[in-house]
């Protein structure tokens, strides 16, 4: 605990505390009364006492005057800073939720604001922890965080994977470093009955995507005897689960030769290599080529990277999603299943559904949605922050229109 009086003040403009009163945690730069409390006087990452226009204390926030989201509430209790004690408490709370939901220690341990830890993502691979920091305030607490993790969880190794483009918005440098212990070149992750080898240093994000796990297992249970096309396959999470579920054969498509090599290694390790083929290349080009070759599949999975990273990308991103889903639909045999995914925060679920509607009409298909997938419980949703609900999976049966 610290005295609230010792903190610098950040005061909001009139009526700009309404969203916070409803449970949100973010303050935008245009909501600050800069005449009373100039943002330029505050250092990136500094903790401040947040006040409404009349001077009432709203809590303690981390500030970054250089970012659009210039402050993030870390506590609504006056005098409670985000320090070693509060970090430990919130990590314990996050851990208890995951242990309640998962039998094995493979999950996202913390998910930023939804766990009361703004800008902090930690993925757990048994006793290896991969940490991503996205805010200046959490960056200042990096050493404290590592010490708390060591004390609380006794890890074998902690990797700081701080190379995300989003760090640029906070004015933070890009780096990857082992903060504690040893982190092997390859790390194992278990999902369902499968074990995957991943590259946490050079791989995408933290090396793995835990968020789609519930949908992957749903599809695997319905893959017996099917021909599967896994586009944007990465290291095989979707395709190999389908193979394990009995798929007749799987064609995995990815632009990365390294990812496809790991996928093949994972297929061998899990005893499904005899049903796997890979094809390296641009997804749109490969889908077009497959159609020209007359290829047909019972399942087509399209799980692309975010096509809409910023609001201004929305129009072009929406067009890319539609084009991708049209190409996928044309490759489906009778009663085929389209697994259409989006991790774009700025694409609403309703928009993805409408994209499938428009795509199906354009290619003269009938779409029947049979499943809606969401991020797993290790990615809890903050009810006041819609941005924490970013992941969408829609599975539809596709047939020719009659």
Protein backbone atom coordinates (compact mmCIF):
# COMPACT_ATOMS: atom_id res chain seq x y z
CA UNK A 1 0.00 0.00 0.00
CA UNK A 2 1.10 3.57 -0.72
CA UNK A 3 -0.28 6.96 0.17
CA UNK A 4 -2.57 8.28 -2.55
CA UNK A 5 -1.43 11.82 -1.71
CA UNK A 6 2.09 11.08 -2.96
CA UNK A 7 0.94 10.34 -6.50
CA UNK A 8 0.68 12.90 -9.28
CA UNK A 9 -2.87 13.65 -10.39
CA UNK A 10 -4.56 13.02 -13.73
CA UNK A 11 -7.91 14.80 -13.96
CA UNK A 12 -10.64 14.05 -16.48
CA UNK A 13 -12.80 16.53 -18.34
CA UNK A 14 -16.42 16.98 -17.36
CA UNK A 15 -18.58 13.86 -17.90
CA UNK A 16 -15.62 11.79 -19.10
CA UNK A 17 -15.81 9.44 -16.12
CA UNK A 18 -19.10 7.86 -17.22
CA UNK A 19 -17.52 4.95 -19.06
CA UNK A 20 -15.23 4.25 -16.10
CA UNK A 21 -18.23 4.28 -13.78
CA UNK A 22 -19.75 1.53 -15.92
CA UNK A 23 -16.68 -0.66 -15.39
CA UNK A 24 -14.29 0.26 -18.20
CA UNK A 25 -10.61 0.71 -17.35
CA UNK A 26 -9.23 2.90 -20.14
CA UNK A 27 -8.79 6.65 -20.44
CA UNK A 28 -8.23 8.23 -23.86
CA UNK A 29 -6.06 11.30 -24.26
CA UNK A 30 -8.96 13.48 -25.40
CA UNK A 31 -10.77 12.75 -22.12
CA UNK A 32 -8.10 14.39 -19.96
CA UNK A 33 -8.36 17.96 -18.64
CA UNK A 34 -4.88 18.92 -19.82
CA UNK A 35 -5.27 22.48 -18.62
CA UNK A 36 -5.50 21.22 -15.04
CA UNK A 37 -3.18 18.21 -15.38
CA UNK A 38 -0.97 18.39 -18.49
CA UNK A 39 -0.18 14.95 -19.85
CA UNK A 40 3.26 16.14 -20.97
CA UNK A 41 4.27 16.52 -17.31
CA UNK A 42 3.87 12.77 -16.71
CA UNK A 43 6.39 10.07 -17.49
CA UNK A 44 5.44 6.96 -19.50
CA UNK A 45 4.51 4.15 -17.14
CA UNK A 46 4.06 6.38 -14.11
CA UNK A 47 1.22 5.56 -11.73
CA UNK A 48 -1.16 8.42 -11.02
CA UNK A 49 -4.20 9.30 -8.96
CA UNK A 50 -7.11 9.49 -11.39
CA UNK A 51 -9.77 12.09 -10.61
CA UNK A 52 -13.05 13.10 -12.19
CA UNK A 53 -13.70 16.74 -13.17
CA UNK A 54 -14.84 17.68 -9.65
CA UNK A 55 -11.75 16.20 -8.02
CA UNK A 56 -13.21 12.92 -6.77
CA UNK A 57 -10.62 10.14 -6.74
CA UNK A 58 -11.51 7.30 -9.12
CA UNK A 59 -8.50 5.13 -8.39
CA UNK A 60 -4.90 4.53 -9.44
CA UNK A 61 -3.92 4.32 -13.09
CA UNK A 62 -0.84 3.70 -15.19
CA UNK A 63 -0.24 6.55 -17.59
CA UNK A 64 1.46 7.01 -20.94
CA UNK A 65 1.15 10.54 -22.35
CA UNK A 66 2.39 9.34 -25.76
CA UNK A 67 -0.38 6.78 -26.35
CA UNK A 68 -4.00 7.15 -27.46
CA UNK A 69 -5.03 5.08 -24.43
CA UNK A 70 -3.18 7.40 -22.10
CA UNK A 71 -4.18 5.78 -18.80
CA UNK A 72 -5.36 2.38 -17.57
CA UNK A 73 -6.95 1.86 -14.17
CA UNK A 74 -5.08 -0.68 -12.06
CA UNK A 75 -7.08 -0.19 -8.86
CA UNK A 76 -10.27 1.59 -7.80
CA UNK A 77 -9.08 1.64 -4.19
CA UNK A 78 -7.30 4.87 -3.24
CA UNK A 79 -3.70 4.25 -2.25
CA UNK A 80 -3.41 0.78 -3.82
CA UNK A 81 -0.63 0.78 -6.40
CA UNK A 82 0.28 -2.03 -8.76
CA UNK A 83 3.35 -3.26 -6.92
CA UNK A 84 4.84 -6.64 -6.00
CA UNK A 85 2.04 -7.37 -3.53
CA UNK A 86 -0.80 -6.60 -5.92
CA UNK A 87 0.97 -8.34 -8.81
CA UNK A 88 1.25 -11.49 -6.74
CA UNK A 89 -2.40 -11.31 -5.68
CA UNK A 90 -3.67 -10.88 -9.23
CA UNK A 91 -1.41 -13.61 -10.56
CA UNK A 92 -2.77 -15.91 -7.86
CA UNK A 93 -6.32 -15.01 -8.88
CA UNK A 94 -5.51 -15.65 -12.54
CA UNK A 95 -3.87 -18.97 -11.67
CA UNK A 96 -6.87 -20.13 -9.63
CA UNK A 97 -9.20 -19.51 -12.59
CA UNK A 98 -7.02 -21.53 -14.98
CA UNK A 99 -6.59 -24.37 -12.50
CA UNK A 100 -10.38 -24.47 -12.14
CA UNK A 101 -10.81 -24.76 -15.92
CA UNK A 102 -7.80 -26.86 -17.00
CA UNK A 103 -6.38 -30.16 -15.78
CA UNK A 104 -2.95 -29.70 -17.36
CA UNK A 105 -0.64 -26.63 -17.04
CA UNK A 106 -0.99 -25.45 -20.63
CA UNK A 107 -2.97 -22.23 -20.99
CA UNK A 108 -2.85 -18.44 -21.11
CA UNK A 109 -2.08 -17.57 -17.51
CA UNK A 110 -2.86 -13.86 -17.76
CA UNK A 111 -4.90 -11.98 -20.31
CA UNK A 112 -4.24 -8.29 -19.76
CA UNK A 113 -7.07 -6.07 -18.54
CA UNK A 114 -9.42 -9.03 -18.12
CA UNK A 115 -7.14 -10.24 -15.29
CA UNK A 116 -6.49 -6.77 -13.87
CA UNK A 117 -3.00 -6.72 -15.40
CA UNK A 118 -3.08 -4.16 -18.23
CA UNK A 119 -0.69 -4.93 -21.04
CA UNK A 120 0.46 -8.28 -19.63
CA UNK A 121 0.04 -11.61 -21.40
CA UNK A 122 1.69 -14.77 -20.03
CA UNK A 123 1.38 -18.12 -21.78
CA UNK A 124 2.24 -21.17 -19.71
CA UNK A 125 3.87 -24.27 -21.14
CA UNK A 126 4.13 -26.42 -18.03
CA UNK A 127 7.13 -24.86 -16.25
CA UNK A 128 8.09 -22.51 -19.11
CA UNK A 129 6.47 -19.08 -19.12
CA UNK A 130 6.44 -16.75 -22.13
CA UNK A 131 5.73 -13.14 -21.17
CA UNK A 132 4.54 -10.37 -23.48
CA UNK A 133 4.38 -6.79 -22.20
CA UNK A 134 2.47 -4.16 -24.16
CA UNK A 135 2.29 -1.12 -21.87
CA UNK A 136 4.88 1.29 -20.50
CA UNK A 137 3.58 0.83 -16.97
CA UNK A 138 4.03 -2.94 -17.03
CA UNK A 139 7.45 -2.54 -18.64
CA UNK A 140 8.59 -0.54 -15.59
CA UNK A 141 7.47 -3.45 -13.41
CA UNK A 142 9.27 -6.06 -15.50
CA UNK A 143 11.89 -7.01 -12.90
CA UNK A 144 9.30 -7.07 -10.12
CA UNK A 145 7.06 -9.26 -12.26
CA UNK A 146 9.83 -11.77 -12.94
CA UNK A 147 10.67 -11.94 -9.22
CA UNK A 148 7.01 -12.55 -8.35
CA UNK A 149 6.71 -15.30 -10.99
CA UNK A 150 9.81 -17.03 -9.63
CA UNK A 151 8.51 -16.86 -6.06
CA UNK A 152 4.98 -17.93 -6.92
CA UNK A 153 5.45 -20.59 -9.60
CA UNK A 154 9.07 -21.86 -9.42
CA UNK A 155 9.49 -21.83 -13.21
CA UNK A 156 12.16 -23.66 -15.15
CA UNK A 157 12.44 -20.69 -17.49
CA UNK A 158 10.89 -17.30 -18.27
CA UNK A 159 11.12 -15.80 -21.74
CA UNK A 160 10.32 -12.14 -22.38
CA UNK A 161 8.90 -12.16 -25.93
CA UNK A 162 8.57 -8.42 -26.32
CA UNK A 163 8.67 -8.01 -30.08
CA UNK A 164 5.02 -7.17 -30.86
CA UNK A 165 4.35 -4.24 -33.17
CA UNK A 166 1.86 -2.89 -30.60
CA UNK A 167 4.79 -1.91 -28.36
CA UNK A 168 5.64 0.87 -30.81
CA UNK A 169 2.41 2.64 -29.86
CA UNK A 170 3.67 2.79 -26.27
CA UNK A 171 7.14 3.92 -27.30
CA UNK A 172 8.69 0.66 -26.13
CA UNK A 173 11.69 -1.13 -27.69
CA UNK A 174 11.50 -4.56 -29.27
CA UNK A 175 13.49 -7.40 -27.70
CA UNK A 176 13.46 -11.10 -26.85
CA UNK A 177 15.41 -12.32 -23.85
CA UNK A 178 15.50 -15.08 -21.27
CA UNK A 179 14.71 -13.39 -17.96
CA UNK A 180 15.20 -16.45 -15.77
CA UNK A 181 16.43 -20.03 -15.93
CA UNK A 182 16.59 -21.90 -19.23
CA UNK A 183 14.19 -21.84 -22.16
CA UNK A 184 14.84 -24.66 -24.64
CA UNK A 185 14.85 -24.17 -28.41
CA UNK A 186 11.67 -26.23 -28.64
CA UNK A 187 8.89 -26.21 -26.05
CA UNK A 188 6.09 -28.76 -25.74
CA UNK A 189 2.41 -27.93 -25.48
CA UNK A 190 -0.36 -30.46 -24.89
CA UNK A 191 -3.86 -30.00 -26.30
CA UNK A 192 -6.34 -32.81 -25.90
CA UNK A 193 -4.56 -36.04 -26.84
CA UNK A 194 -1.84 -34.33 -28.89
CA UNK A 195 1.57 -32.97 -28.03
CA UNK A 196 3.02 -30.18 -30.17
CA UNK A 197 6.57 -28.93 -30.42
CA UNK A 198 6.69 -25.14 -30.83
CA UNK A 199 9.29 -22.41 -31.22
CA UNK A 200 8.62 -19.76 -28.59
CA UNK A 201 11.43 -17.48 -29.77
CA UNK A 202 10.93 -17.34 -33.54
CA UNK A 203 7.32 -18.51 -33.75
CA UNK A 204 4.26 -16.29 -34.04
CA UNK A 205 3.19 -14.42 -30.89
CA UNK A 206 4.26 -16.64 -27.96
CA UNK A 207 4.70 -19.66 -30.24
CA UNK A 208 1.17 -21.03 -29.89
CA UNK A 209 -2.48 -19.94 -30.02
CA UNK A 210 -4.39 -21.27 -27.03
CA UNK A 211 -7.51 -19.27 -27.85
CA UNK A 212 -9.02 -21.58 -30.49
CA UNK A 213 -8.58 -24.79 -28.47
CA UNK A 214 -12.31 -25.41 -27.73
CA UNK A 215 -13.24 -25.07 -31.42
CA UNK A 216 -10.36 -27.26 -32.58
CA UNK A 217 -11.46 -30.05 -30.26
CA UNK A 218 -15.09 -29.66 -31.39
CA UNK A 219 -14.05 -30.12 -35.01
CA UNK A 220 -11.72 -33.02 -34.23
CA UNK A 221 -14.61 -34.98 -32.75
CA UNK A 222 -16.44 -34.67 -36.09
CA UNK A 223 -13.60 -35.33 -38.54
CA UNK A 224 -13.81 -39.10 -39.01
CA UNK A 225 -13.13 -40.03 -42.63
CA UNK A 226 -13.09 -36.45 -43.93
CA UNK A 227 -10.73 -34.70 -46.36
CA UNK A 228 -9.43 -31.57 -44.64
CA UNK A 229 -7.78 -28.42 -45.97
CA UNK A 230 -6.09 -26.36 -43.23
CA UNK A 231 -5.21 -22.88 -44.53
CA UNK A 232 -2.87 -20.64 -42.51
CA UNK A 233 -1.98 -23.89 -40.75
CA UNK A 234 1.06 -22.60 -38.79
CA UNK A 235 2.36 -25.65 -36.81
CA UNK A 236 -0.78 -27.76 -37.26
CA UNK A 237 -3.11 -27.07 -34.36
CA UNK A 238 -6.30 -27.36 -36.47
CA UNK A 239 -5.17 -29.89 -39.05
CA UNK A 240 -3.47 -32.35 -36.74
CA UNK A 241 -6.40 -32.30 -34.34
CA UNK A 242 -8.62 -33.23 -37.28
CA UNK A 243 -6.20 -36.02 -38.23
CA UNK A 244 -6.22 -37.31 -34.68
CA UNK A 245 -10.01 -37.26 -34.86
CA UNK A 246 -9.90 -39.63 -37.82
CA UNK A 247 -9.67 -37.38 -40.88
CA UNK A 248 -8.80 -39.39 -44.00
CA UNK A 249 -6.18 -36.86 -45.11
CA UNK A 250 -5.09 -33.31 -44.30
CA UNK A 251 -3.51 -30.74 -46.59
CA UNK A 252 -1.82 -27.96 -44.60
CA UNK A 253 -1.07 -24.63 -46.28
CA UNK A 254 1.19 -21.95 -44.87
CA UNK A 255 3.60 -19.32 -46.19
CA UNK A 256 6.30 -20.26 -43.66
CA UNK A 257 8.63 -23.16 -44.48
CA UNK A 258 9.73 -23.25 -40.84
CA UNK A 259 6.17 -23.59 -39.58
CA UNK A 260 5.45 -26.40 -42.04
CA UNK A 261 8.60 -28.24 -40.95
CA UNK A 262 7.46 -28.06 -37.33
CA UNK A 263 4.02 -29.24 -38.45
CA UNK A 264 5.54 -32.27 -40.15
CA UNK A 265 7.61 -33.03 -37.05
CA UNK A 266 4.47 -32.78 -34.93
CA UNK A 267 2.60 -35.08 -37.30
CA UNK A 268 5.33 -37.72 -36.98
CA UNK A 269 5.43 -37.38 -33.20
CA UNK A 270 1.67 -37.88 -32.98
CA UNK A 271 1.48 -40.77 -35.44
CA UNK A 272 -0.56 -39.06 -38.17
CA UNK A 273 2.16 -38.24 -40.73
CA UNK A 274 0.78 -40.79 -43.20
CA UNK A 275 -2.35 -38.65 -43.63
CA UNK A 276 -0.61 -35.28 -43.92
CA UNK A 277 0.55 -33.28 -46.91
CA UNK A 278 1.86 -29.71 -46.86
CA UNK A 279 1.97 -26.93 -49.39
CA UNK A 280 3.95 -23.73 -48.92
CA UNK A 281 2.68 -20.51 -50.43
CA UNK A 282 0.40 -17.50 -50.22
CA UNK A 283 -3.01 -18.65 -49.03
CA UNK A 284 -5.00 -16.84 -51.72
CA UNK A 285 -2.73 -18.11 -54.48
CA UNK A 286 -2.82 -21.70 -53.21
CA UNK A 287 -6.61 -21.67 -52.88
CA UNK A 288 -6.92 -20.36 -56.43
CA UNK A 289 -4.53 -23.04 -57.70
CA UNK A 290 -6.41 -25.80 -55.87
CA UNK A 291 -9.63 -24.74 -57.52
CA UNK A 292 -7.97 -24.80 -60.95
CA UNK A 293 -6.73 -28.30 -60.15
CA UNK A 294 -10.28 -29.43 -59.37
CA UNK A 295 -9.52 -30.26 -55.72
CA UNK A 296 -12.44 -30.81 -53.35
CA UNK A 297 -12.51 -31.19 -49.57
CA UNK A 298 -15.03 -32.08 -46.89
CA UNK A 299 -13.66 -29.45 -44.51
CA UNK A 300 -11.87 -26.18 -45.27
CA UNK A 301 -10.39 -24.27 -42.33
CA UNK A 302 -9.43 -20.62 -42.83
CA UNK A 303 -7.80 -19.15 -39.72
CA UNK A 304 -5.96 -16.07 -41.02
CA UNK A 305 -4.01 -13.42 -39.16
CA UNK A 306 -5.96 -10.27 -38.37
CA UNK A 307 -6.91 -8.57 -41.62
CA UNK A 308 -8.21 -5.56 -39.66
CA UNK A 309 -5.47 -4.45 -37.28
CA UNK A 310 -6.75 -0.85 -37.05
CA UNK A 311 -10.16 0.72 -37.58
CA UNK A 312 -8.98 2.41 -40.75
CA UNK A 313 -8.23 -1.05 -42.21
CA UNK A 314 -11.87 -2.12 -41.86
CA UNK A 315 -13.04 -1.74 -45.47
CA UNK A 316 -10.06 -3.50 -47.07
CA UNK A 317 -9.98 -6.13 -44.33
CA UNK A 318 -13.65 -6.95 -44.80
CA UNK A 319 -13.04 -7.44 -48.52
CA UNK A 320 -10.16 -9.81 -47.74
CA UNK A 321 -12.34 -11.90 -45.42
CA UNK A 322 -15.04 -12.14 -48.08
CA UNK A 323 -12.60 -13.12 -50.82
CA UNK A 324 -10.98 -15.73 -48.59
CA UNK A 325 -14.29 -17.32 -47.66
CA UNK A 326 -15.51 -17.34 -51.26
CA UNK A 327 -12.38 -19.20 -52.34
CA UNK A 328 -12.83 -21.66 -49.48
CA UNK A 329 -16.47 -22.34 -50.31
CA UNK A 330 -15.63 -23.17 -53.92
CA UNK A 331 -13.35 -25.97 -52.69
CA UNK A 332 -16.00 -27.71 -50.60
CA UNK A 333 -17.68 -30.91 -51.73
CA UNK A 334 -21.34 -31.63 -51.03
CA UNK A 335 -22.22 -31.23 -47.32
CA UNK A 336 -18.80 -29.70 -46.74
CA UNK A 337 -17.93 -27.74 -43.62
CA UNK A 338 -16.38 -24.28 -43.73
CA UNK A 339 -14.49 -23.27 -40.58
CA UNK A 340 -14.17 -19.49 -40.80
CA UNK A 341 -12.16 -17.67 -38.16
CA UNK A 342 -11.21 -14.10 -37.32
CA UNK A 343 -8.97 -12.70 -34.61
CA UNK A 344 -9.59 -9.10 -35.71
CA UNK A 345 -10.81 -7.12 -32.73
CA UNK A 346 -12.37 -4.59 -35.11
CA UNK A 347 -14.52 -7.19 -36.89
CA UNK A 348 -17.78 -7.90 -35.09
CA UNK A 349 -19.13 -11.44 -35.05
CA UNK A 350 -22.21 -10.22 -36.89
CA UNK A 351 -19.96 -8.88 -39.65
CA UNK A 352 -18.23 -12.24 -40.04
CA UNK A 353 -21.61 -13.94 -40.31
CA UNK A 354 -22.71 -11.37 -42.88
CA UNK A 355 -19.48 -11.95 -44.79
CA UNK A 356 -20.35 -15.65 -45.01
CA UNK A 357 -23.86 -14.75 -46.15
CA UNK A 358 -22.56 -12.47 -48.89
CA UNK A 359 -19.85 -14.91 -49.95
CA UNK A 360 -22.30 -17.82 -50.17
CA UNK A 361 -24.71 -15.83 -52.30
CA UNK A 362 -21.92 -14.69 -54.62
CA UNK A 363 -20.77 -18.26 -55.30
CA UNK A 364 -24.34 -19.61 -55.41
CA UNK A 365 -24.11 -21.68 -52.23
CA UNK A 366 -26.43 -22.25 -49.30
CA UNK A 367 -24.79 -21.77 -45.91
CA UNK A 368 -26.13 -23.28 -42.69
CA UNK A 369 -24.34 -22.12 -39.54
CA UNK A 370 -24.02 -24.98 -37.09
CA UNK A 371 -21.45 -23.73 -34.59
CA UNK A 372 -20.22 -20.49 -33.05
CA UNK A 373 -16.83 -20.67 -31.36
CA UNK A 374 -15.33 -18.29 -28.82
CA UNK A 375 -11.99 -17.88 -27.10
CA UNK A 376 -11.31 -20.35 -24.30
CA UNK A 377 -11.77 -19.59 -20.58
CA UNK A 378 -8.07 -18.73 -20.28
CA UNK A 379 -9.00 -15.61 -22.30
CA UNK A 380 -11.72 -14.27 -19.98
CA UNK A 381 -13.85 -11.42 -21.29
CA UNK A 382 -14.11 -8.19 -19.32
CA UNK A 383 -17.84 -7.31 -19.59
CA UNK A 384 -17.11 -3.57 -19.80
CA UNK A 385 -14.32 -3.88 -22.37
CA UNK A 386 -15.65 -5.33 -25.62
CA UNK A 387 -12.12 -5.31 -27.04
CA UNK A 388 -11.29 -8.28 -24.79
CA UNK A 389 -13.71 -10.42 -26.84
CA UNK A 390 -11.84 -10.59 -30.11
CA UNK A 391 -11.96 -14.21 -31.33
CA UNK A 392 -14.67 -15.57 -33.62
CA UNK A 393 -15.17 -18.99 -35.16
CA UNK A 394 -18.16 -19.77 -37.37
CA UNK A 395 -18.65 -23.27 -38.78
CA UNK A 396 -21.17 -23.65 -41.57
CA UNK A 397 -22.33 -26.47 -43.79
CA UNK A 398 -22.06 -25.38 -47.42
CA UNK A 399 -24.07 -26.81 -50.30
CA UNK A 400 -25.02 -25.66 -53.77
CA UNK A 401 -28.13 -23.52 -53.74
CA UNK A 402 -31.27 -25.27 -54.99
